[in-house]
Amino acid sequence: MGILSWIIVGLIGGALGKLIVPGKQRGGVVMTLFIGVLGALLGGWISTQLGFGGLSGFDLRSVIIAALGAALLVVVIRGLRK
C-alpha cells in the first residue's frame, strides 16, 4: 500500500474510531491521522493474528479494520491519560 493510501485509510479509520468510542475526544486532524495510521497497523496486526488477513489496500474491509484498531487505540490512550 502506498503512503497516500495509508494516509487516507488512516484519516478515515481515525475519524471512525473516534466516533465509535463515546465521549469527548481531544486532538485535531493530525492526532486523528496519527491514531488512524497506528490503529490501522494495530488492527491489521490483530486481524492477521486471528486469521482474517491484514490490510489489503484501499477497500471497505481495510477501513473497517483500521477503524476498529483506531477505536481500540483511543480506548487505550484514554485509559493511560486517567
PDB file of N, CA and C in Angstrom:
ATOM      1  N   MET A   1       0.852  -1.168   0.000  1.00  0.00           N
ATOM      2  CA  MET A   1       0.000   0.000   0.000  1.00  0.00           C
ATOM      3  C   MET A   1       0.896   1.228   0.000  1.00  0.00           C
ATOM      4  N   GLY A   2       0.587   2.212  -0.810  1.00  0.00           N
ATOM      5  CA  GLY A   2       1.378   3.426  -0.872  1.00  0.00           C
ATOM      6  C   GLY A   2       1.124   4.337   0.317  1.00  0.00           C
ATOM      7  N   ILE A   3       2.017   5.297   0.495  1.00  0.00           N
ATOM      8  CA  ILE A   3       1.908   6.213   1.629  1.00  0.00           C
ATOM      9  C   ILE A   3       0.619   7.026   1.576  1.00  0.00           C
ATOM     10  N   LEU A   4       0.190   7.407   0.381  1.00  0.00           N
ATOM     11  CA  LEU A   4      -1.053   8.169   0.251  1.00  0.00           C
ATOM     12  C   LEU A   4      -2.249   7.322   0.685  1.00  0.00           C
ATOM     13  N   SER A   5      -2.233   6.051   0.338  1.00  0.00           N
ATOM     14  CA  SER A   5      -3.321   5.162   0.768  1.00  0.00           C
ATOM     15  C   SER A   5      -3.341   5.024   2.281  1.00  0.00           C
ATOM     16  N   TRP A   6      -2.145   4.910   2.908  1.00  0.00           N
ATOM     17  CA  TRP A   6      -2.076   4.821   4.374  1.00  0.00           C
ATOM     18  C   TRP A   6      -2.642   6.074   5.015  1.00  0.00           C
ATOM     19  N   ILE A   7      -2.338   7.233   4.439  1.00  0.00           N
ATOM     20  CA  ILE A   7      -2.840   8.496   4.996  1.00  0.00           C
ATOM     21  C   ILE A   7      -4.357   8.562   4.877  1.00  0.00           C
ATOM     22  N   ILE A   8      -4.880   8.188   3.717  1.00  0.00           N
ATOM     23  CA  ILE A   8      -6.330   8.241   3.514  1.00  0.00           C
ATOM     24  C   ILE A   8      -7.048   7.241   4.424  1.00  0.00           C
ATOM     25  N   VAL A   9      -6.542   5.999   4.454  1.00  0.00           N
ATOM     26  CA  VAL A   9      -7.147   4.986   5.333  1.00  0.00           C
ATOM     27  C   VAL A   9      -7.000   5.410   6.791  1.00  0.00           C
ATOM     28  N   GLY A  10      -5.849   6.017   7.133  1.00  0.00           N
ATOM     29  CA  GLY A  10      -5.625   6.490   8.498  1.00  0.00           C
ATOM     30  C   GLY A  10      -6.592   7.584   8.903  1.00  0.00           C
ATOM     31  N   LEU A  11      -6.821   8.547   8.019  1.00  0.00           N
ATOM     32  CA  LEU A  11      -7.778   9.621   8.331  1.00  0.00           C
ATOM     33  C   LEU A  11      -9.193   9.081   8.494  1.00  0.00           C
ATOM     34  N   ILE A  12      -9.599   8.242   7.569  1.00  0.00           N
ATOM     35  CA  ILE A  12     -10.950   7.680   7.648  1.00  0.00           C
ATOM     36  C   ILE A  12     -11.079   6.765   8.863  1.00  0.00           C
ATOM     37  N   GLY A  13     -10.091   5.887   9.048  1.00  0.00           N
ATOM     38  CA  GLY A  13     -10.124   4.965  10.188  1.00  0.00           C
ATOM     39  C   GLY A  13     -10.059   5.699  11.514  1.00  0.00           C
ATOM     40  N   GLY A  14      -9.207   6.723  11.606  1.00  0.00           N
ATOM     41  CA  GLY A  14      -9.108   7.500  12.843  1.00  0.00           C
ATOM     42  C   GLY A  14     -10.386   8.241  13.172  1.00  0.00           C
ATOM     43  N   ALA A  15     -11.002   8.837  12.153  1.00  0.00           N
ATOM     44  CA  ALA A  15     -12.258   9.553  12.369  1.00  0.00           C
ATOM     45  C   ALA A  15     -13.362   8.587  12.805  1.00  0.00           C
ATOM     46  N   LEU A  16     -13.443   7.441  12.148  1.00  0.00           N
ATOM     47  CA  LEU A  16     -14.453   6.453  12.526  1.00  0.00           C
ATOM     48  C   LEU A  16     -14.158   5.867  13.904  1.00  0.00           C
ATOM     49  N   GLY A  17     -12.889   5.655  14.197  1.00  0.00           N
ATOM     50  CA  GLY A  17     -12.517   5.137  15.514  1.00  0.00           C
ATOM     51  C   GLY A  17     -12.888   6.094  16.625  1.00  0.00           C
ATOM     52  N   LYS A  18     -12.703   7.395  16.378  1.00  0.00           N
ATOM     53  CA  LYS A  18     -13.098   8.390  17.374  1.00  0.00           C
ATOM     54  C   LYS A  18     -14.612   8.452  17.518  1.00  0.00           C
ATOM     55  N   LEU A  19     -15.347   8.205  16.434  1.00  0.00           N
ATOM     56  CA  LEU A  19     -16.809   8.210  16.506  1.00  0.00           C
ATOM     57  C   LEU A  19     -17.352   6.976  17.226  1.00  0.00           C
ATOM     58  N   ILE A  20     -16.656   5.854  17.102  1.00  0.00           N
ATOM     59  CA  ILE A  20     -17.118   4.609  17.720  1.00  0.00           C
ATOM     60  C   ILE A  20     -17.053   4.698  19.239  1.00  0.00           C
ATOM     61  N   VAL A  21     -15.982   5.298  19.757  1.00  0.00           N
ATOM     62  CA  VAL A  21     -15.783   5.387  21.207  1.00  0.00           C
ATOM     63  C   VAL A  21     -16.558   6.593  21.725  1.00  0.00           C
ATOM     64  N   PRO A  22     -17.468   6.389  22.678  1.00  0.00           N
ATOM     65  CA  PRO A  22     -18.258   7.511  23.188  1.00  0.00           C
ATOM     66  C   PRO A  22     -17.414   8.456  24.041  1.00  0.00           C
ATOM     67  N   GLY A  23     -17.874   9.674  24.159  1.00  0.00           N
ATOM     68  CA  GLY A  23     -17.196  10.665  24.988  1.00  0.00           C
ATOM     69  C   GLY A  23     -16.450  11.679  24.143  1.00  0.00           C
ATOM     70  N   LYS A  24     -15.958  12.703  24.824  1.00  0.00           N
ATOM     71  CA  LYS A  24     -15.239  13.770  24.144  1.00  0.00           C
ATOM     72  C   LYS A  24     -13.830  13.310  23.801  1.00  0.00           C
ATOM     73  N   GLN A  25     -13.427  13.554  22.566  1.00  0.00           N
ATOM     74  CA  GLN A  25     -12.096  13.191  22.102  1.00  0.00           C
ATOM     75  C   GLN A  25     -11.269  14.455  21.903  1.00  0.00           C
ATOM     76  N   ARG A  26     -10.041  14.426  22.387  1.00  0.00           N
ATOM     77  CA  ARG A  26      -9.154  15.566  22.177  1.00  0.00           C
ATOM     78  C   ARG A  26      -8.309  15.320  20.939  1.00  0.00           C
ATOM     79  N   GLY A  27      -7.792  16.386  20.381  1.00  0.00           N
ATOM     80  CA  GLY A  27      -6.907  16.272  19.232  1.00  0.00           C
ATOM     81  C   GLY A  27      -7.581  16.732  17.962  1.00  0.00           C
ATOM     82  N   GLY A  28      -6.776  17.217  17.059  1.00  0.00           N
ATOM     83  CA  GLY A  28      -7.272  17.705  15.783  1.00  0.00           C
ATOM     84  C   GLY A  28      -7.020  16.707  14.672  1.00  0.00           C
ATOM     85  N   VAL A  29      -6.834  17.225  13.477  1.00  0.00           N
ATOM     86  CA  VAL A  29      -6.665  16.396  12.290  1.00  0.00           C
ATOM     87  C   VAL A  29      -5.372  15.582  12.371  1.00  0.00           C
ATOM     88  N   VAL A  30      -4.301  16.206  12.848  1.00  0.00           N
ATOM     89  CA  VAL A  30      -3.021  15.499  12.925  1.00  0.00           C
ATOM     90  C   VAL A  30      -3.111  14.334  13.912  1.00  0.00           C
ATOM     91  N   MET A  31      -3.737  14.556  15.050  1.00  0.00           N
ATOM     92  CA  MET A  31      -3.892  13.487  16.042  1.00  0.00           C
ATOM     93  C   MET A  31      -4.812  12.390  15.502  1.00  0.00           C
ATOM     94  N   THR A  32      -5.855  12.759  14.791  1.00  0.00           N
ATOM     95  CA  THR A  32      -6.747  11.777  14.177  1.00  0.00           C
ATOM     96  C   THR A  32      -5.984  10.940  13.157  1.00  0.00           C
ATOM     97  N   LEU A  33      -5.143  11.585  12.350  1.00  0.00           N
ATOM     98  CA  LEU A  33      -4.327  10.870  11.371  1.00  0.00           C
ATOM     99  C   LEU A  33      -3.366   9.920  12.069  1.00  0.00           C
ATOM    100  N   PHE A  34      -2.704  10.391  13.115  1.00  0.00           N
ATOM    101  CA  PHE A  34      -1.759   9.576  13.871  1.00  0.00           C
ATOM    102  C   PHE A  34      -2.453   8.357  14.471  1.00  0.00           C
ATOM    103  N   ILE A  35      -3.590   8.582  15.121  1.00  0.00           N
ATOM    104  CA  ILE A  35      -4.349   7.475  15.718  1.00  0.00           C
ATOM    105  C   ILE A  35      -4.852   6.526  14.632  1.00  0.00           C
ATOM    106  N   GLY A  36      -5.279   7.075  13.506  1.00  0.00           N
ATOM    107  CA  GLY A  36      -5.789   6.241  12.418  1.00  0.00           C
ATOM    108  C   GLY A  36      -4.725   5.344  11.808  1.00  0.00           C
ATOM    109  N   VAL A  37      -3.540   5.896  11.550  1.00  0.00           N
ATOM    110  CA  VAL A  37      -2.470   5.098  10.954  1.00  0.00           C
ATOM    111  C   VAL A  37      -1.984   4.041  11.942  1.00  0.00           C
ATOM    112  N   LEU A  38      -1.768   4.442  13.204  1.00  0.00           N
ATOM    113  CA  LEU A  38      -1.370   3.454  14.210  1.00  0.00           C
ATOM    114  C   LEU A  38      -2.475   2.417  14.434  1.00  0.00           C
ATOM    115  N   GLY A  39      -3.729   2.876  14.412  1.00  0.00           N
ATOM    116  CA  GLY A  39      -4.857   1.958  14.555  1.00  0.00           C
ATOM    117  C   GLY A  39      -4.945   0.993  13.384  1.00  0.00           C
ATOM    118  N   ALA A  40      -4.633   1.467  12.179  1.00  0.00           N
ATOM    119  CA  ALA A  40      -4.624   0.589  11.009  1.00  0.00           C
ATOM    120  C   ALA A  40      -3.541  -0.473  11.155  1.00  0.00           C
ATOM    121  N   LEU A  41      -2.373  -0.062  11.623  1.00  0.00           N
ATOM    122  CA  LEU A  41      -1.303  -1.038  11.856  1.00  0.00           C
ATOM    123  C   LEU A  41      -1.691  -2.038  12.932  1.00  0.00           C
ATOM    124  N   LEU A  42      -2.239  -1.538  14.037  1.00  0.00           N
ATOM    125  CA  LEU A  42      -2.670  -2.405  15.129  1.00  0.00           C
ATOM    126  C   LEU A  42      -3.788  -3.343  14.683  1.00  0.00           C
ATOM    127  N   GLY A  43      -4.788  -2.788  14.016  1.00  0.00           N
ATOM    128  CA  GLY A  43      -5.905  -3.606  13.534  1.00  0.00           C
ATOM    129  C   GLY A  43      -5.460  -4.629  12.510  1.00  0.00           C
ATOM    130  N   GLY A  44      -4.551  -4.245  11.625  1.00  0.00           N
ATOM    131  CA  GLY A  44      -4.023  -5.178  10.630  1.00  0.00           C
ATOM    132  C   GLY A  44      -3.245  -6.307  11.281  1.00  0.00           C
ATOM    133  N   TRP A  45      -2.446  -5.968  12.298  1.00  0.00           N
ATOM    134  CA  TRP A  45      -1.678  -6.992  13.004  1.00  0.00           C
ATOM    135  C   TRP A  45      -2.609  -7.961  13.739  1.00  0.00           C
ATOM    136  N   ILE A  46      -3.600  -7.404  14.457  1.00  0.00           N
ATOM    137  CA  ILE A  46      -4.532  -8.253  15.210  1.00  0.00           C
ATOM    138  C   ILE A  46      -5.344  -9.135  14.269  1.00  0.00           C
ATOM    139  N   SER A  47      -5.831  -8.573  13.165  1.00  0.00           N
ATOM    140  CA  SER A  47      -6.641  -9.375  12.240  1.00  0.00           C
ATOM    141  C   SER A  47      -5.799 -10.459  11.570  1.00  0.00           C
ATOM    142  N   THR A  48      -4.511 -10.196  11.330  1.00  0.00           N
ATOM    143  CA  THR A  48      -3.624 -11.224  10.787  1.00  0.00           C
ATOM    144  C   THR A  48      -3.406 -12.334  11.811  1.00  0.00           C
ATOM    145  N   GLN A  49      -3.228 -11.955  13.070  1.00  0.00           N
ATOM    146  CA  GLN A  49      -3.018 -12.954  14.127  1.00  0.00           C
ATOM    147  C   GLN A  49      -4.261 -13.821  14.332  1.00  0.00           C
ATOM    148  N   LEU A  50      -5.434 -13.244  14.097  1.00  0.00           N
ATOM    149  CA  LEU A  50      -6.679 -14.001  14.258  1.00  0.00           C
ATOM    150  C   LEU A  50      -7.056 -14.792  13.008  1.00  0.00           C
ATOM    151  N   GLY A  51      -6.267 -14.658  11.944  1.00  0.00           N
ATOM    152  CA  GLY A  51      -6.514 -15.419  10.726  1.00  0.00           C
ATOM    153  C   GLY A  51      -7.422 -14.749   9.717  1.00  0.00           C
ATOM    154  N   PHE A  52      -7.736 -13.472   9.917  1.00  0.00           N
ATOM    155  CA  PHE A  52      -8.602 -12.758   8.977  1.00  0.00           C
ATOM    156  C   PHE A  52      -7.827 -12.083   7.863  1.00  0.00           C
ATOM    157  N   GLY A  53      -6.514 -12.043   7.957  1.00  0.00           N
ATOM    158  CA  GLY A  53      -5.686 -11.360   6.965  1.00  0.00           C
ATOM    159  C   GLY A  53      -5.494  -9.914   7.351  1.00  0.00           C
ATOM    160  N   GLY A  54      -4.497  -9.291   6.767  1.00  0.00           N
ATOM    161  CA  GLY A  54      -4.171  -7.901   7.093  1.00  0.00           C
ATOM    162  C   GLY A  54      -4.849  -6.922   6.163  1.00  0.00           C
ATOM    163  N   LEU A  55      -4.323  -5.704   6.147  1.00  0.00           N
ATOM    164  CA  LEU A  55      -4.841  -4.667   5.267  1.00  0.00           C
ATOM    165  C   LEU A  55      -4.442  -4.985   3.841  1.00  0.00           C
ATOM    166  N   SER A  56      -5.395  -4.869   2.936  1.00  0.00           N
ATOM    167  CA  SER A  56      -5.138  -5.277   1.555  1.00  0.00           C
ATOM    168  C   SER A  56      -5.154  -4.121   0.571  1.00  0.00           C
ATOM    169  N   GLY A  57      -5.302  -2.920   1.024  1.00  0.00           N
ATOM    170  CA  GLY A  57      -5.374  -1.774   0.134  1.00  0.00           C
ATOM    171  C   GLY A  57      -6.505  -0.864   0.561  1.00  0.00           C
ATOM    172  N   PHE A  58      -6.916  -0.023  -0.328  1.00  0.00           N
ATOM    173  CA  PHE A  58      -7.972   0.930  -0.018  1.00  0.00           C
ATOM    174  C   PHE A  58      -9.315   0.314  -0.388  1.00  0.00           C
ATOM    175  N   ASP A  59      -9.891  -0.425   0.547  1.00  0.00           N
ATOM    176  CA  ASP A  59     -11.213  -1.014   0.357  1.00  0.00           C
ATOM    177  C   ASP A  59     -11.969  -0.960   1.683  1.00  0.00           C
ATOM    178  N   LEU A  60     -13.215  -1.358   1.661  1.00  0.00           N
ATOM    179  CA  LEU A  60     -14.077  -1.262   2.836  1.00  0.00           C
ATOM    180  C   LEU A  60     -13.549  -2.110   3.992  1.00  0.00           C
ATOM    181  N   ARG A  61     -13.058  -3.300   3.699  1.00  0.00           N
ATOM    182  CA  ARG A  61     -12.526  -4.185   4.732  1.00  0.00           C
ATOM    183  C   ARG A  61     -11.354  -3.534   5.459  1.00  0.00           C
ATOM    184  N   SER A  62     -10.458  -2.911   4.714  1.00  0.00           N
ATOM    185  CA  SER A  62      -9.300  -2.246   5.319  1.00  0.00           C
ATOM    186  C   SER A  62      -9.723  -1.064   6.177  1.00  0.00           C
ATOM    187  N   VAL A  63     -10.708  -0.311   5.728  1.00  0.00           N
ATOM    188  CA  VAL A  63     -11.196   0.828   6.504  1.00  0.00           C
ATOM    189  C   VAL A  63     -11.844   0.348   7.803  1.00  0.00           C
ATOM    190  N   ILE A  64     -12.592  -0.746   7.751  1.00  0.00           N
ATOM    191  CA  ILE A  64     -13.212  -1.291   8.960  1.00  0.00           C
ATOM    192  C   ILE A  64     -12.149  -1.781   9.936  1.00  0.00           C
ATOM    193  N   ILE A  65     -11.134  -2.478   9.430  1.00  0.00           N
ATOM    194  CA  ILE A  65     -10.040  -2.948  10.297  1.00  0.00           C
ATOM    195  C   ILE A  65      -9.328  -1.758  10.918  1.00  0.00           C
ATOM    196  N   ALA A  66      -9.062  -0.721  10.120  1.00  0.00           N
ATOM    197  CA  ALA A  66      -8.390   0.478  10.633  1.00  0.00           C
ATOM    198  C   ALA A  66      -9.250   1.185  11.677  1.00  0.00           C
ATOM    199  N   ALA A  67     -10.547   1.271  11.441  1.00  0.00           N
ATOM    200  CA  ALA A  67     -11.444   1.938  12.385  1.00  0.00           C
ATOM    201  C   ALA A  67     -11.511   1.182  13.709  1.00  0.00           C
ATOM    202  N   LEU A  68     -11.590  -0.138  13.647  1.00  0.00           N
ATOM    203  CA  LEU A  68     -11.622  -0.924  14.883  1.00  0.00           C
ATOM    204  C   LEU A  68     -10.297  -0.834  15.636  1.00  0.00           C
ATOM    205  N   GLY A  69      -9.197  -0.852  14.899  1.00  0.00           N
ATOM    206  CA  GLY A  69      -7.894  -0.681  15.535  1.00  0.00           C
ATOM    207  C   GLY A  69      -7.746   0.697  16.150  1.00  0.00           C
ATOM    208  N   ALA A  70      -8.242   1.729  15.463  1.00  0.00           N
ATOM    209  CA  ALA A  70      -8.191   3.093  15.991  1.00  0.00           C
ATOM    210  C   ALA A  70      -9.072   3.232  17.229  1.00  0.00           C
ATOM    211  N   ALA A  71     -10.240   2.594  17.216  1.00  0.00           N
ATOM    212  CA  ALA A  71     -11.118   2.642  18.394  1.00  0.00           C
ATOM    213  C   ALA A  71     -10.439   1.977  19.587  1.00  0.00           C
ATOM    214  N   LEU A  72      -9.782   0.860  19.355  1.00  0.00           N
ATOM    215  CA  LEU A  72      -9.043   0.195  20.429  1.00  0.00           C
ATOM    216  C   LEU A  72      -7.924   1.095  20.944  1.00  0.00           C
ATOM    217  N   LEU A  73      -7.238   1.764  20.037  1.00  0.00           N
ATOM    218  CA  LEU A  73      -6.157   2.668  20.424  1.00  0.00           C
ATOM    219  C   LEU A  73      -6.689   3.870  21.208  1.00  0.00           C
ATOM    220  N   VAL A  74      -7.835   4.398  20.823  1.00  0.00           N
ATOM    221  CA  VAL A  74      -8.452   5.520  21.563  1.00  0.00           C
ATOM    222  C   VAL A  74      -8.778   5.090  22.985  1.00  0.00           C
ATOM    223  N   VAL A  75      -9.305   3.886  23.148  1.00  0.00           N
ATOM    224  CA  VAL A  75      -9.628   3.381  24.489  1.00  0.00           C
ATOM    225  C   VAL A  75      -8.348   3.232  25.323  1.00  0.00           C
ATOM    226  N   VAL A  76      -7.300   2.720  24.725  1.00  0.00           N
ATOM    227  CA  VAL A  76      -6.034   2.555  25.439  1.00  0.00           C
ATOM    228  C   VAL A  76      -5.460   3.903  25.826  1.00  0.00           C
ATOM    229  N   ILE A  77      -5.464   4.854  24.901  1.00  0.00           N
ATOM    230  CA  ILE A  77      -4.934   6.203  25.195  1.00  0.00           C
ATOM    231  C   ILE A  77      -5.744   6.859  26.287  1.00  0.00           C
ATOM    232  N   ARG A  78      -7.048   6.723  26.226  1.00  0.00           N
ATOM    233  CA  ARG A  78      -7.909   7.302  27.257  1.00  0.00           C
ATOM    234  C   ARG A  78      -7.608   6.679  28.616  1.00  0.00           C
ATOM    235  N   GLY A  79      -7.376   5.382  28.659  1.00  0.00           N
ATOM    236  CA  GLY A  79      -7.042   4.710  29.911  1.00  0.00           C
ATOM    237  C   GLY A  79      -5.694   5.142  30.461  1.00  0.00           C
ATOM    238  N   LEU A  80      -4.738   5.411  29.590  1.00  0.00           N
ATOM    239  CA  LEU A  80      -3.426   5.856  30.028  1.00  0.00           C
ATOM    240  C   LEU A  80      -3.444   7.293  30.547  1.00  0.00           C
ATOM    241  N   ARG A  81      -4.333   8.104  30.017  1.00  0.00           N
ATOM    242  CA  ARG A  81      -4.421   9.504  30.451  1.00  0.00           C
ATOM    243  C   ARG A  81      -5.038   9.633  31.836  1.00  0.00           C
ATOM    244  N   LYS A  82      -5.854   8.686  32.244  1.00  0.00           N
ATOM    245  CA  LYS A  82      -6.540   8.774  33.545  1.00  0.00           C
ATOM    246  C   LYS A  82      -5.670   8.328  34.649  1.00  0.00           C
TER     247      LYS A  82
END
